[in-house]
Protein backbone atom coordinates (compact mmCIF):
# COMPACT_ATOMS: atom_id res chain seq x y z
CA MET A 1 361.88 147.24 244.41
CA ILE A 2 363.75 149.10 247.12
CA TRP A 3 367.35 148.30 247.78
CA ILE A 4 368.24 148.73 251.31
CA ASP A 5 372.20 149.50 252.47
CA VAL A 6 373.15 147.95 255.20
CA LEU A 7 376.13 148.30 257.61
CA ARG A 8 378.24 144.97 257.95
CA LEU A 9 381.28 144.36 259.87
CA ASP A 10 384.15 143.07 258.04
CA LEU A 11 385.82 140.80 260.94
CA SER A 12 389.08 139.83 259.28
CA GLY A 13 390.08 143.11 259.04
CA TYR A 14 387.98 145.18 261.62
CA LYS A 15 386.76 147.78 258.67
CA TYR A 16 382.77 148.63 258.45
CA THR A 17 381.81 147.89 254.48
CA MET A 18 378.37 148.39 252.74
CA PHE A 19 376.35 146.11 250.83
CA SER A 20 372.91 145.76 249.47
CA ALA A 21 369.82 143.70 250.36
CA SER A 22 366.51 143.58 248.57
CA GLY A 23 363.36 142.16 249.43
CA TRP A 24 360.39 145.00 250.06
CA PRO A 25 357.63 145.59 247.89
CA ALA A 26 357.88 149.00 246.34
CA LYS A 27 355.25 150.58 248.91
CA ALA A 28 356.75 149.72 251.77
CA ARG A 29 358.97 151.86 253.97
CA PHE A 30 360.70 150.84 257.07
CA ASP A 31 363.95 152.41 258.84
CA VAL A 32 366.31 149.51 259.36
CA PHE A 33 368.48 149.68 262.48
CA LEU A 34 371.43 146.85 262.29
CA TYR A 35 374.40 147.08 265.34
CA PHE A 36 376.98 144.65 265.91
CA CYS A 37 377.48 145.18 269.80
CA THR A 38 381.15 145.49 269.60
CA ILE A 39 383.83 144.82 266.77
CA LYS A 40 385.37 141.89 269.46
CA ASN A 41 382.02 140.33 269.82
CA PRO A 42 379.76 140.65 267.05
CA ASP A 43 377.48 137.57 268.22
CA ILE A 44 374.31 139.69 268.62
CA VAL A 45 372.55 141.77 266.03
CA LEU A 46 369.37 144.06 266.45
CA SER A 47 367.38 144.77 263.59
CA SER A 48 364.08 146.34 262.90
CA ASP A 49 363.83 144.95 259.35
CA LEU A 50 362.43 141.59 258.68
CA GLY A 51 363.66 141.82 255.23
CA SER A 52 367.14 141.13 256.36
CA ALA A 53 365.78 137.41 257.08
CA ALA A 54 365.15 136.96 253.38
CA GLY A 55 368.96 137.07 252.30
CA ASN A 56 372.10 135.31 253.21
CA ALA A 57 373.67 138.43 255.44
CA PHE A 58 372.99 136.40 258.68
CA ASP A 59 373.28 132.64 257.76
CA GLY A 60 374.77 131.13 260.86
CA TYR A 61 372.57 133.20 263.06
CA LEU A 62 369.10 132.40 265.15
CA LEU A 63 366.62 134.87 264.69
CA HIS A 64 364.31 136.22 267.50
CA ALA A 65 361.73 138.15 266.60
CA PHE A 66 358.87 140.17 268.38
CA CYS A 67 356.14 141.92 266.51
CA ARG A 68 355.27 145.23 267.78
CA GLN A 69 352.23 146.08 265.92
CA GLY A 70 351.00 145.32 262.57
CA SER A 71 350.90 142.01 260.57
CA CYS A 72 353.24 140.52 258.00
CA ARG A 73 352.91 137.52 255.80
CA PHE A 74 355.56 135.34 254.29
CA ILE A 75 357.00 131.94 253.10
CA TYR A 76 359.02 130.03 255.33
CA ASN A 77 360.02 126.33 254.42
CA GLU A 78 357.49 126.84 251.61
CA ARG A 79 354.75 126.99 253.83
CA PRO A 80 352.63 130.42 254.37
CA PHE A 81 352.65 132.16 257.76
CA GLU A 82 351.41 135.45 259.26
CA LEU A 83 352.88 137.29 262.07
CA HIS A 84 350.65 139.60 264.29
CA ALA A 85 350.79 141.98 266.70
CA GLY A 86 352.08 140.25 269.96
CA ASP A 87 353.52 137.36 268.27
CA CYS A 88 357.15 135.96 268.40
CA MET A 89 358.99 134.02 266.01
CA ILE A 90 362.17 132.15 266.44
CA MET A 91 364.06 130.45 263.16
CA PRO A 92 367.27 129.21 262.14
CA ARG A 93 368.89 131.74 259.68
CA HIS A 94 368.77 129.97 256.11
CA GLY A 95 368.25 132.89 253.51
CA ASP A 96 366.53 130.72 250.87
CA ARG A 97 363.86 129.28 253.56
CA MET A 98 362.50 132.73 253.92
CA ARG A 99 360.79 134.68 251.09
CA ASP A 100 357.73 136.69 249.64
CA ILE A 101 357.71 139.16 252.75
CA GLN A 102 354.78 141.41 252.65
CA PRO A 103 354.19 143.51 255.63
CA ASP A 104 351.07 145.88 256.17
CA GLU A 105 352.25 149.51 256.44
CA ASP A 106 352.16 149.89 260.01
CA PHE A 107 354.17 146.70 260.74
CA ALA A 108 357.05 147.01 263.33
CA ILE A 109 359.10 144.63 264.27
CA ASP A 110 362.07 144.04 266.83
CA ILE A 111 364.65 141.38 265.92
CA ILE A 112 367.72 139.59 267.70
CA TYR A 113 370.34 137.66 265.78
CA VAL A 114 372.31 135.58 267.69
CA THR A 115 375.38 133.43 266.29
CA GLU A 116 374.80 129.64 266.75
CA ALA A 117 378.13 129.88 268.95
CA PHE A 118 376.88 132.22 271.11
CA ILE A 119 373.37 130.61 271.52
CA ASN A 120 375.16 127.17 272.35
CA VAL A 121 377.22 129.12 275.23
CA ALA A 122 373.67 130.56 276.56
CA THR A 123 371.65 127.62 276.18
CA PRO A 124 370.12 126.64 279.65
CA GLN A 125 370.64 122.75 280.71
CA SER A 126 367.73 121.56 279.58
CA ASN A 127 366.83 118.94 276.68
CA TYR A 128 363.99 121.06 276.04
CA GLY A 129 365.48 123.15 273.58
CA MET A 130 365.66 119.98 270.86
CA ARG A 131 361.71 119.48 270.97
CA GLY A 132 361.48 123.40 270.63
CA GLY A 133 363.81 123.64 267.79
CA LEU A 134 362.20 120.92 265.40
CA ALA A 135 358.60 122.08 266.20
CA LEU A 136 359.99 125.77 264.87
CA PHE A 137 361.31 124.40 262.14
CA ASP A 138 357.79 123.12 260.71
CA ASN A 139 355.95 126.43 262.53
CA PRO A 140 358.52 129.29 263.70
CA VAL A 141 355.35 131.61 264.89
CA MET A 142 354.18 131.70 268.39
CA ARG A 143 351.01 133.12 269.40
CA LEU A 144 351.61 135.06 272.87
CA ASP A 145 349.16 136.12 275.93
CA GLU A 146 349.30 139.22 277.27
CA GLU A 147 351.50 138.37 280.02
CA GLN A 148 353.86 136.41 277.69
CA GLN A 149 353.95 139.42 275.29
CA GLN A 150 355.13 141.54 278.31
CA ILE A 151 357.76 139.07 279.10
CA CYS A 152 359.14 139.02 275.78
CA ALA A 153 359.15 142.89 275.42
CA LEU A 154 360.93 143.01 278.45
CA ASN A 155 363.67 140.69 277.22
CA PHE A 156 364.03 142.23 273.87
CA ASP A 157 364.67 145.90 275.58
CA TYR A 158 366.62 144.62 278.09
CA ILE A 159 369.09 142.80 275.62
CA ARG A 160 369.14 146.27 273.78
CA LYS A 161 369.83 148.13 276.99
CA ARG A 162 372.83 145.88 278.24
CA LEU A 163 374.29 145.69 274.60
CA ALA A 164 374.88 149.67 275.13
CA PHE A 165 377.05 149.20 277.87
CA ASP A 166 380.06 147.47 275.98
CA LYS A 167 382.63 149.22 278.20
CA HIS A 168 381.47 146.56 281.02
CA LEU A 169 384.42 144.38 282.28
CA PHE A 170 382.16 141.58 281.84
CA HIS A 171 380.04 142.34 279.26
CA ARG A 172 379.91 139.22 277.29
CA ASP A 173 378.88 137.41 280.51
CA ALA A 174 376.36 139.73 280.79
CA MET A 175 375.14 139.21 277.61
CA ILE A 176 374.97 135.48 278.16
CA ASN A 177 372.70 135.59 281.14
CA ALA A 178 370.28 138.11 279.04
CA VAL A 179 370.02 135.97 276.05
CA GLN A 180 369.92 132.89 278.49
CA CYS A 181 366.84 134.42 280.42
CA MET A 182 365.15 134.95 276.90
CA ILE A 183 365.66 131.26 275.97
CA ILE A 184 364.13 129.88 278.85
CA ASP A 185 361.24 132.39 278.47
CA PHE A 186 360.81 131.10 274.78
CA TYR A 187 361.08 127.43 276.19
CA ASP A 188 357.94 128.45 278.86
CA PHE A 189 355.98 130.05 275.72
CA HIS A 190 356.58 126.69 273.89
CA ALA A 191 355.80 124.69 276.82
CA LYS A 192 352.69 126.12 277.95
CA ASN A 193 351.51 126.41 273.88
CA TYR A 194 352.38 123.00 273.32
CA GLY A 195 352.57 120.81 276.60
CA VAL A 196 355.79 119.66 278.34
CA VAL A 197 357.35 116.75 277.61
CA HIS A 198 360.00 115.41 279.03
CA ILE A 199 363.00 114.45 277.30
CA THR A 200 365.83 112.51 278.41
CA SER A 201 369.70 113.18 277.70
CA PRO A 202 370.26 110.04 275.51
CA ASN A 203 367.17 110.65 273.50
CA ALA A 204 368.02 114.49 272.72
CA ARG A 205 371.52 113.33 271.87
CA LEU A 206 370.14 110.71 269.52
CA MET A 207 367.75 113.48 267.80
CA GLU A 208 370.69 115.74 267.68
CA GLN A 209 373.06 113.62 266.13
CA PHE A 210 370.13 112.49 263.43
CA GLN A 211 369.35 116.19 262.78
CA MET A 212 373.20 116.71 262.01
CA LEU A 213 373.09 114.19 259.48
CA LEU A 214 370.16 115.47 257.86
CA ASP A 215 371.85 119.34 258.22
CA ARG A 216 374.90 118.02 256.50
CA GLY A 217 372.91 116.77 253.38
CA ASP A 218 372.65 112.92 253.84
CA PHE A 219 368.74 113.13 252.48
CA ARG A 220 369.84 114.13 249.33
CA GLN A 221 371.13 110.33 248.40
CA HIS A 222 369.45 108.30 251.87
CA ARG A 223 365.78 108.90 252.55
CA ASN A 224 365.38 105.36 254.25
CA VAL A 225 365.40 105.55 258.05
CA GLY A 226 367.23 102.25 258.08
CA TYR A 227 370.34 104.28 256.77
CA TYR A 228 370.20 107.06 259.48
CA ALA A 229 369.47 104.11 262.19
CA ASP A 230 372.50 102.09 261.28
CA ILE A 231 374.71 105.00 261.36
CA LEU A 232 373.20 105.71 264.82
CA CYS A 233 373.44 102.14 266.12
CA VAL A 234 370.15 101.95 266.71
CA SER A 235 367.26 100.06 264.93
CA PRO A 236 364.68 102.19 262.77
CA LYS A 237 361.63 101.28 264.82
CA TYR A 238 363.56 103.04 267.49
CA LEU A 239 364.91 105.48 266.22
CA SER A 240 361.27 106.58 264.77
CA GLU A 241 359.67 106.23 268.39
CA VAL A 242 362.48 108.40 269.85
CA SER A 243 361.86 110.86 267.19
CA LEU A 244 358.20 110.50 267.95
CA LYS A 245 358.67 111.58 271.67
CA VAL A 246 360.97 114.24 271.09
CA SER A 247 359.59 116.06 268.44
CA GLY A 248 356.00 114.80 267.94
CA GLU A 249 356.92 113.65 264.63
CA PRO A 250 358.57 110.06 263.21
CA ALA A 251 361.90 109.73 261.65
CA SER A 252 360.52 109.67 258.34
CA HIS A 253 358.89 112.79 258.60
CA TRP A 254 361.82 114.98 259.14
CA ILE A 255 363.88 113.00 256.28
CA SER A 256 360.99 114.18 253.69
CA ARG A 257 360.38 117.62 255.09
CA TYR A 258 364.19 117.98 254.65
CA THR A 259 364.29 116.55 251.27
CA ALA A 260 361.00 118.40 250.02
CA LEU A 261 362.34 121.83 251.09
CA GLU A 262 365.96 121.34 249.29
CA ILE A 263 363.88 119.88 245.98
CA SER A 264 361.67 122.97 246.32
CA ARG A 265 364.67 125.21 246.29
CA MET A 266 366.31 123.59 243.61
CA LEU A 267 363.04 123.90 241.39
CA ARG A 268 363.36 127.55 241.91
CA ASN A 269 366.84 127.74 240.26
CA GLN A 270 366.16 127.65 236.47
CA ALA A 271 369.58 126.94 235.59
CA LEU A 272 369.02 123.29 236.53
CA SER A 273 366.75 120.86 234.53
CA ILE A 274 364.05 118.75 236.27
CA GLU A 275 365.99 115.85 235.12
CA GLU A 276 369.23 117.01 236.50
CA ILE A 277 367.37 117.73 239.87
CA SER A 278 366.12 114.26 239.87
CA ASP A 279 369.72 112.65 239.23
CA LEU A 280 371.23 114.74 242.17
CA PHE A 281 368.93 113.32 244.47
CA GLY A 282 369.43 109.77 243.19
CA PHE A 283 365.93 108.70 241.71
CA SER A 284 365.91 105.94 240.10
CA SER A 285 363.56 107.38 237.44
CA LEU A 286 362.14 110.82 236.28
CA SER A 287 358.44 109.23 236.71
CA TYR A 288 359.37 108.33 240.48
CA PHE A 289 360.69 112.25 241.18
CA HIS A 290 357.56 113.38 239.91
CA ARG A 291 355.54 111.23 242.09
CA TYR A 292 357.78 112.38 244.84
CA VAL A 293 357.39 115.63 244.30
CA GLN A 294 353.60 115.81 243.67
CA LYS A 295 353.07 113.97 247.05
CA ASN A 296 355.68 115.99 249.10
CA LEU A 297 355.05 119.79 247.36
CA GLY A 298 351.29 118.90 246.18
CA VAL A 299 352.29 119.75 242.55
CA ALA A 300 353.96 118.23 239.90
CA PRO A 301 357.61 119.93 239.14
CA SER A 302 356.57 121.43 236.03
CA THR A 303 353.67 123.38 237.90
CA PHE A 304 355.65 124.63 241.08
CA ARG A 305 358.21 126.03 238.34
CA GLU A 306 355.24 128.06 236.89
């Protein structure tokens, strides 16, 4: 296993410190480039190392990647994916969701990490991001045609170049503009690949509130659509209909996806027994927990751990 030293900014004292992150097979050799644009504005980080996505160093960032050459296989949200030359990828940064990264020897990738706070400022006034965000949760990879690849490469190159002009008096505004342009193009890529769906503001807000409940972990004890509908002051039928319109999946799908991912994460933790995990999720019996895992992960809990 290769250990890669990564330069990270300590915001509290404006100091640079070194830490190590592992994740590449011994045969792989990649140059790492991490760059915080300025001490005052560490909202955007550039990298050429997909291994950085497997740790926790960039939790709270959104990953945008463009594969320049070669290919790479990896597991994300417990599903296998492949990234090939010309593909782009977007995913929220949660280190335990990506693992088993297996790049080819000629694999080359550009990555732009952007903080969630900066994304909120740069996001266009469009509700399409809600649909795209949920779809990318299930599949973060987008295949691009030749023209889209040129546009994507142009955005990545432009952001890299603009970061260098950190003495610009309106540098932050310029970077907001550059990131917003990239986001708009990602909207266009996704809409052309999966179809344009008009999403009203009320539906977007409802789905955002629903997702916030899932993000805070309510699914650990509540897996009934009615629970979320009551909190959001709508009927279970209406919540599921809105979820289907916005994301293409009913509300129950997202509850099950969040639950299955968290269970799989805990099952990889050998310090927790299967009985303890079942209790943490409030299952009425161990046999019910076994059936739930079998249905949603495809194998029994004990088999998943092997």
